């Protein structure tokens, strides 16, 4: 048995119908994979966005926004490993759900 699913919750939703369960999981995988791809793309661009925002804010003297963008930029830089680990964990969970939906 996989720890990727709360079988009791899935059974309650599906009424115990295995076909419905596979369909629900497949729908989740499709939707989540699309969203995950967007998150992955945006995560790669986030440092650039934070840096650009910091520069734009600094150019006009928006010091509070500049400081917030700088803090975001530094947080991304200092904890990039954690972000990557979480993205890998999401990818692994989706792969397991794909297997279960077959």
Protein backbone atom coordinates (compact mmCIF):
# COMPACT_ATOMS: atom_id res chain seq x y z
CA UNK A 1 0.00 0.00 0.00
CA UNK A 2 1.21 3.45 -0.88
CA UNK A 3 1.55 6.31 1.57
CA UNK A 4 0.78 8.73 -1.28
CA UNK A 5 -2.95 8.48 -0.62
CA UNK A 6 -5.34 8.56 2.29
CA UNK A 7 -7.35 5.56 1.11
CA UNK A 8 -10.16 6.17 3.60
CA UNK A 9 -10.69 9.70 2.31
CA UNK A 10 -10.53 8.57 -1.32
CA UNK A 11 -13.01 5.75 -0.65
CA UNK A 12 -15.39 8.17 1.07
CA UNK A 13 -15.29 10.47 -1.96
CA UNK A 14 -15.58 7.70 -4.55
CA UNK A 15 -18.12 5.58 -2.74
CA UNK A 16 -15.65 2.71 -2.94
CA UNK A 17 -15.75 2.58 -6.75
CA UNK A 18 -12.22 1.68 -7.91
CA UNK A 19 -12.85 3.06 -11.40
CA UNK A 20 -13.92 6.41 -9.99
CA UNK A 21 -10.86 6.40 -7.73
CA UNK A 22 -8.51 5.86 -10.69
CA UNK A 23 -10.31 8.62 -12.63
CA UNK A 24 -10.03 11.04 -9.70
CA UNK A 25 -6.33 10.31 -9.31
CA UNK A 26 -5.75 10.69 -13.06
CA UNK A 27 -7.58 14.02 -13.05
CA UNK A 28 -5.51 15.19 -10.09
CA UNK A 29 -2.28 14.12 -11.78
CA UNK A 30 -3.16 15.94 -15.01
CA UNK A 31 -4.15 19.17 -13.26
CA UNK A 32 -1.31 19.04 -10.74
CA UNK A 33 1.28 18.32 -13.43
CA UNK A 34 0.18 21.40 -15.36
CA UNK A 35 0.31 23.57 -12.26
CA UNK A 36 3.62 22.02 -11.17
CA UNK A 37 5.21 22.83 -14.55
CA UNK A 38 4.18 26.46 -14.12
CA UNK A 39 5.58 26.54 -10.58
CA UNK A 40 8.84 24.98 -11.78
CA UNK A 41 9.15 27.56 -14.59
CA UNK A 42 8.38 30.43 -12.26
CA UNK A 43 10.73 29.13 -9.56
CA UNK A 44 13.59 29.26 -12.05
CA UNK A 45 12.72 32.87 -12.90
CA UNK A 46 11.99 34.06 -9.37
CA UNK A 47 15.54 35.30 -8.66
CA UNK A 48 15.44 37.40 -11.84
CA UNK A 49 12.03 38.80 -10.94
CA UNK A 50 13.14 39.74 -7.44
CA UNK A 51 16.30 41.41 -8.74
CA UNK A 52 14.39 43.37 -11.40
CA UNK A 53 11.79 44.47 -8.87
CA UNK A 54 14.50 45.60 -6.48
CA UNK A 55 16.14 47.66 -9.23
CA UNK A 56 12.89 49.24 -10.42
CA UNK A 57 11.91 50.16 -6.89
CA UNK A 58 15.35 51.57 -6.14
CA UNK A 59 15.30 53.68 -9.29
CA UNK A 60 12.29 55.64 -8.05
CA UNK A 61 13.12 55.65 -4.34
CA UNK A 62 10.44 53.14 -3.29
CA UNK A 63 12.57 52.04 -0.36
CA UNK A 64 10.05 49.75 1.34
CA UNK A 65 9.42 47.81 -1.88
CA UNK A 66 13.14 47.79 -2.66
CA UNK A 67 13.90 46.35 0.79
CA UNK A 68 11.22 43.69 0.45
CA UNK A 69 12.48 42.69 -3.01
CA UNK A 70 16.06 42.58 -1.71
CA UNK A 71 14.99 40.36 1.21
CA UNK A 72 13.17 38.06 -1.22
CA UNK A 73 16.22 37.92 -3.47
CA UNK A 74 18.46 37.02 -0.51
CA UNK A 75 16.02 34.40 0.81
CA UNK A 76 15.88 32.73 -2.59
CA UNK A 77 19.65 32.75 -2.87
CA UNK A 78 20.26 31.42 0.64
CA UNK A 79 17.64 28.67 0.57
CA UNK A 80 17.71 27.54 -3.06
CA UNK A 81 18.53 24.00 -1.91
CA UNK A 82 15.33 23.81 0.12
CA UNK A 83 13.28 25.05 -2.81
CA UNK A 84 14.85 22.43 -5.09
CA UNK A 85 14.28 19.66 -2.51
CA UNK A 86 10.60 20.55 -2.25
CA UNK A 87 10.23 20.62 -6.03
CA UNK A 88 11.83 17.17 -6.23
CA UNK A 89 9.46 15.91 -3.51
CA UNK A 90 6.48 17.19 -5.51
CA UNK A 91 7.81 15.55 -8.66
CA UNK A 92 8.25 12.24 -6.81
CA UNK A 93 4.73 12.40 -5.34
CA UNK A 94 3.24 13.10 -8.77
CA UNK A 95 5.15 10.16 -10.26
CA UNK A 96 3.75 7.85 -7.59
CA UNK A 97 0.22 9.11 -8.19
CA UNK A 98 0.67 8.55 -11.93
CA UNK A 99 1.52 4.92 -11.20
CA UNK A 100 -1.52 4.56 -8.95
CA UNK A 101 -3.86 6.01 -11.58
CA UNK A 102 -3.12 3.23 -14.05
